[in-house]
């Protein structure tokens, strides 16, 4: 049962991200010429369906990280605990980035998402290195 919920949250978050990407690709581009009129679907409404999806996608991934964190903490899997913590921090920053995007802090709206990308890179490196290290130790000590 442990793997069902995190996998469902991960799948749902991925579906939201794919939906957001398709929306971005099919939406008309905003022009800087018109101050009063903007063709972007996001700029026309405050907290549109797009904005909700942008915040929901990392939130679902954060739920995945929370459940995984609990599992690896209870099973004392310390390497996976570090990887899961970094994973959760990255998605927490993505949520902050989604919320700041619709706030008044223009210019700072990309900082949390940019920092999150670096956390994703660190998490991926640790996951790959830890996975290969685990398999090396397993084959050496059967």
Protein backbone atom coordinates (compact mmCIF):
# COMPACT_ATOMS: atom_id res chain seq x y z
CA UNK A 1 0.00 0.00 0.00
CA UNK A 2 2.96 2.32 0.62
CA UNK A 3 3.95 2.45 -3.04
CA UNK A 4 0.41 3.01 -4.35
CA UNK A 5 -0.18 6.55 -3.00
CA UNK A 6 3.22 8.04 -3.78
CA UNK A 7 3.06 6.61 -7.29
CA UNK A 8 -0.45 8.00 -7.80
CA UNK A 9 0.64 11.43 -6.57
CA UNK A 10 3.70 11.28 -8.83
CA UNK A 11 1.58 10.24 -11.83
CA UNK A 12 -1.00 12.97 -11.17
CA UNK A 13 1.73 15.61 -10.81
CA UNK A 14 3.29 14.45 -14.07
CA UNK A 15 -0.07 14.67 -15.82
CA UNK A 16 -0.48 18.25 -14.55
CA UNK A 17 3.01 19.15 -15.81
CA UNK A 18 2.27 17.66 -19.24
CA UNK A 19 -1.04 19.52 -19.35
CA UNK A 20 0.72 22.79 -18.43
CA UNK A 21 3.34 22.19 -21.14
CA UNK A 22 0.66 21.53 -23.77
CA UNK A 23 -1.20 24.64 -22.62
CA UNK A 24 1.99 26.70 -22.92
CA UNK A 25 2.66 25.39 -26.42
CA UNK A 26 -0.87 25.97 -27.69
CA UNK A 27 -1.54 29.36 -26.04
CA UNK A 28 -1.04 32.54 -28.03
CA UNK A 29 2.10 34.46 -27.16
CA UNK A 30 1.87 37.70 -25.21
CA UNK A 31 2.92 40.86 -26.98
CA UNK A 32 4.70 43.70 -25.25
CA UNK A 33 3.15 46.31 -27.56
CA UNK A 34 -0.28 46.35 -25.92
CA UNK A 35 -0.40 47.38 -22.30
CA UNK A 36 -4.18 47.25 -22.03
CA UNK A 37 -4.77 44.14 -24.09
CA UNK A 38 -2.77 40.95 -23.68
CA UNK A 39 -3.21 37.75 -25.70
CA UNK A 40 -1.77 35.49 -23.00
CA UNK A 41 -4.34 33.30 -21.30
CA UNK A 42 -2.49 33.60 -17.99
CA UNK A 43 -2.40 37.39 -17.92
CA UNK A 44 -6.14 37.77 -18.59
CA UNK A 45 -7.26 36.20 -15.33
CA UNK A 46 -5.99 36.22 -11.80
CA UNK A 47 -5.72 32.62 -10.52
CA UNK A 48 -7.05 30.98 -13.60
CA UNK A 49 -7.21 27.24 -14.12
CA UNK A 50 -3.65 27.47 -15.44
CA UNK A 51 -2.44 29.01 -12.19
CA UNK A 52 -4.18 26.34 -10.13
CA UNK A 53 -2.57 23.61 -12.25
CA UNK A 54 0.82 25.32 -11.92
CA UNK A 55 0.53 25.17 -8.13
CA UNK A 56 -1.13 21.74 -8.00
CA UNK A 57 1.56 19.90 -9.97
CA UNK A 58 4.43 20.52 -7.53
CA UNK A 59 2.02 20.10 -4.60
CA UNK A 60 1.23 16.54 -5.73
CA UNK A 61 4.94 15.82 -6.06
CA UNK A 62 5.46 17.26 -2.57
CA UNK A 63 2.84 14.83 -1.22
CA UNK A 64 4.79 12.05 -2.91
CA UNK A 65 7.99 13.22 -1.20
CA UNK A 66 6.26 13.45 2.21
CA UNK A 67 4.98 9.88 2.00
CA UNK A 68 8.35 8.62 0.78
CA UNK A 69 10.10 10.59 3.53
CA UNK A 70 7.97 8.91 6.17
CA UNK A 71 8.67 5.47 4.69
CA UNK A 72 12.45 5.87 4.44
CA UNK A 73 12.64 7.52 7.87
CA UNK A 74 10.79 4.66 9.56
CA UNK A 75 12.92 2.09 7.74
CA UNK A 76 16.16 3.98 8.53
CA UNK A 77 17.21 4.23 4.90
CA UNK A 78 19.51 7.21 5.39
CA UNK A 79 20.74 7.69 1.83
CA UNK A 80 17.19 7.62 0.49
CA UNK A 81 16.20 9.99 3.30
CA UNK A 82 18.64 12.60 2.00
CA UNK A 83 17.45 12.12 -1.58
CA UNK A 84 13.79 12.36 -0.56
CA UNK A 85 14.45 15.48 1.53
CA UNK A 86 16.12 17.24 -1.39
CA UNK A 87 13.29 16.11 -3.67
CA UNK A 88 10.70 17.58 -1.28
CA UNK A 89 12.62 20.83 -0.89
CA UNK A 90 12.76 21.24 -4.67
CA UNK A 91 9.02 20.85 -5.01
CA UNK A 92 8.38 23.12 -2.05
CA UNK A 93 10.40 25.77 -3.88
CA UNK A 94 8.38 25.09 -7.03
CA UNK A 95 5.17 25.69 -5.08
CA UNK A 96 6.59 28.96 -3.74
CA UNK A 97 7.55 29.89 -7.30
CA UNK A 98 4.03 29.21 -8.50
CA UNK A 99 2.53 31.32 -5.72
CA UNK A 100 5.00 34.20 -6.09
CA UNK A 101 4.32 34.32 -9.82
CA UNK A 102 0.88 35.76 -9.20
CA UNK A 103 2.01 38.16 -6.49
CA UNK A 104 3.37 41.68 -6.67
CA UNK A 105 7.06 40.70 -6.48
CA UNK A 106 7.88 41.18 -10.14
CA UNK A 107 11.43 40.15 -10.93
CA UNK A 108 11.68 37.71 -8.04
CA UNK A 109 9.12 35.29 -9.46
CA UNK A 110 11.72 33.05 -11.09
CA UNK A 111 14.13 32.77 -8.14
CA UNK A 112 12.40 29.88 -6.27
CA UNK A 113 11.93 27.86 -9.46
CA UNK A 114 15.54 28.48 -10.48
CA UNK A 115 16.79 27.29 -7.09
CA UNK A 116 14.47 24.27 -7.36
CA UNK A 117 16.15 23.26 -10.62
CA UNK A 118 19.48 23.10 -8.81
CA UNK A 119 17.93 20.92 -6.11
CA UNK A 120 16.59 18.60 -8.83
CA UNK A 121 20.10 18.30 -10.25
CA UNK A 122 21.59 17.51 -6.84
CA UNK A 123 18.83 15.00 -6.14
CA UNK A 124 19.34 13.29 -9.49
CA UNK A 125 23.12 13.05 -9.02
CA UNK A 126 22.69 11.60 -5.52
CA UNK A 127 20.04 9.15 -6.70
CA UNK A 128 22.17 7.89 -9.59
CA UNK A 129 25.35 7.75 -7.52
CA UNK A 130 23.59 6.09 -4.59
CA UNK A 131 21.87 3.58 -6.85
CA UNK A 132 25.09 2.57 -8.56
CA UNK A 133 26.89 2.42 -5.20
CA UNK A 134 24.12 0.20 -3.81
CA UNK A 135 24.35 -2.22 -6.74
CA UNK A 136 28.15 -2.36 -6.54
CA UNK A 137 27.99 -3.26 -2.85
CA UNK A 138 25.24 -5.80 -3.44
CA UNK A 139 27.17 -7.66 -6.16
CA UNK A 140 30.38 -7.58 -4.11
CA UNK A 141 28.64 -8.96 -0.97
CA UNK A 142 25.95 -11.41 -2.11
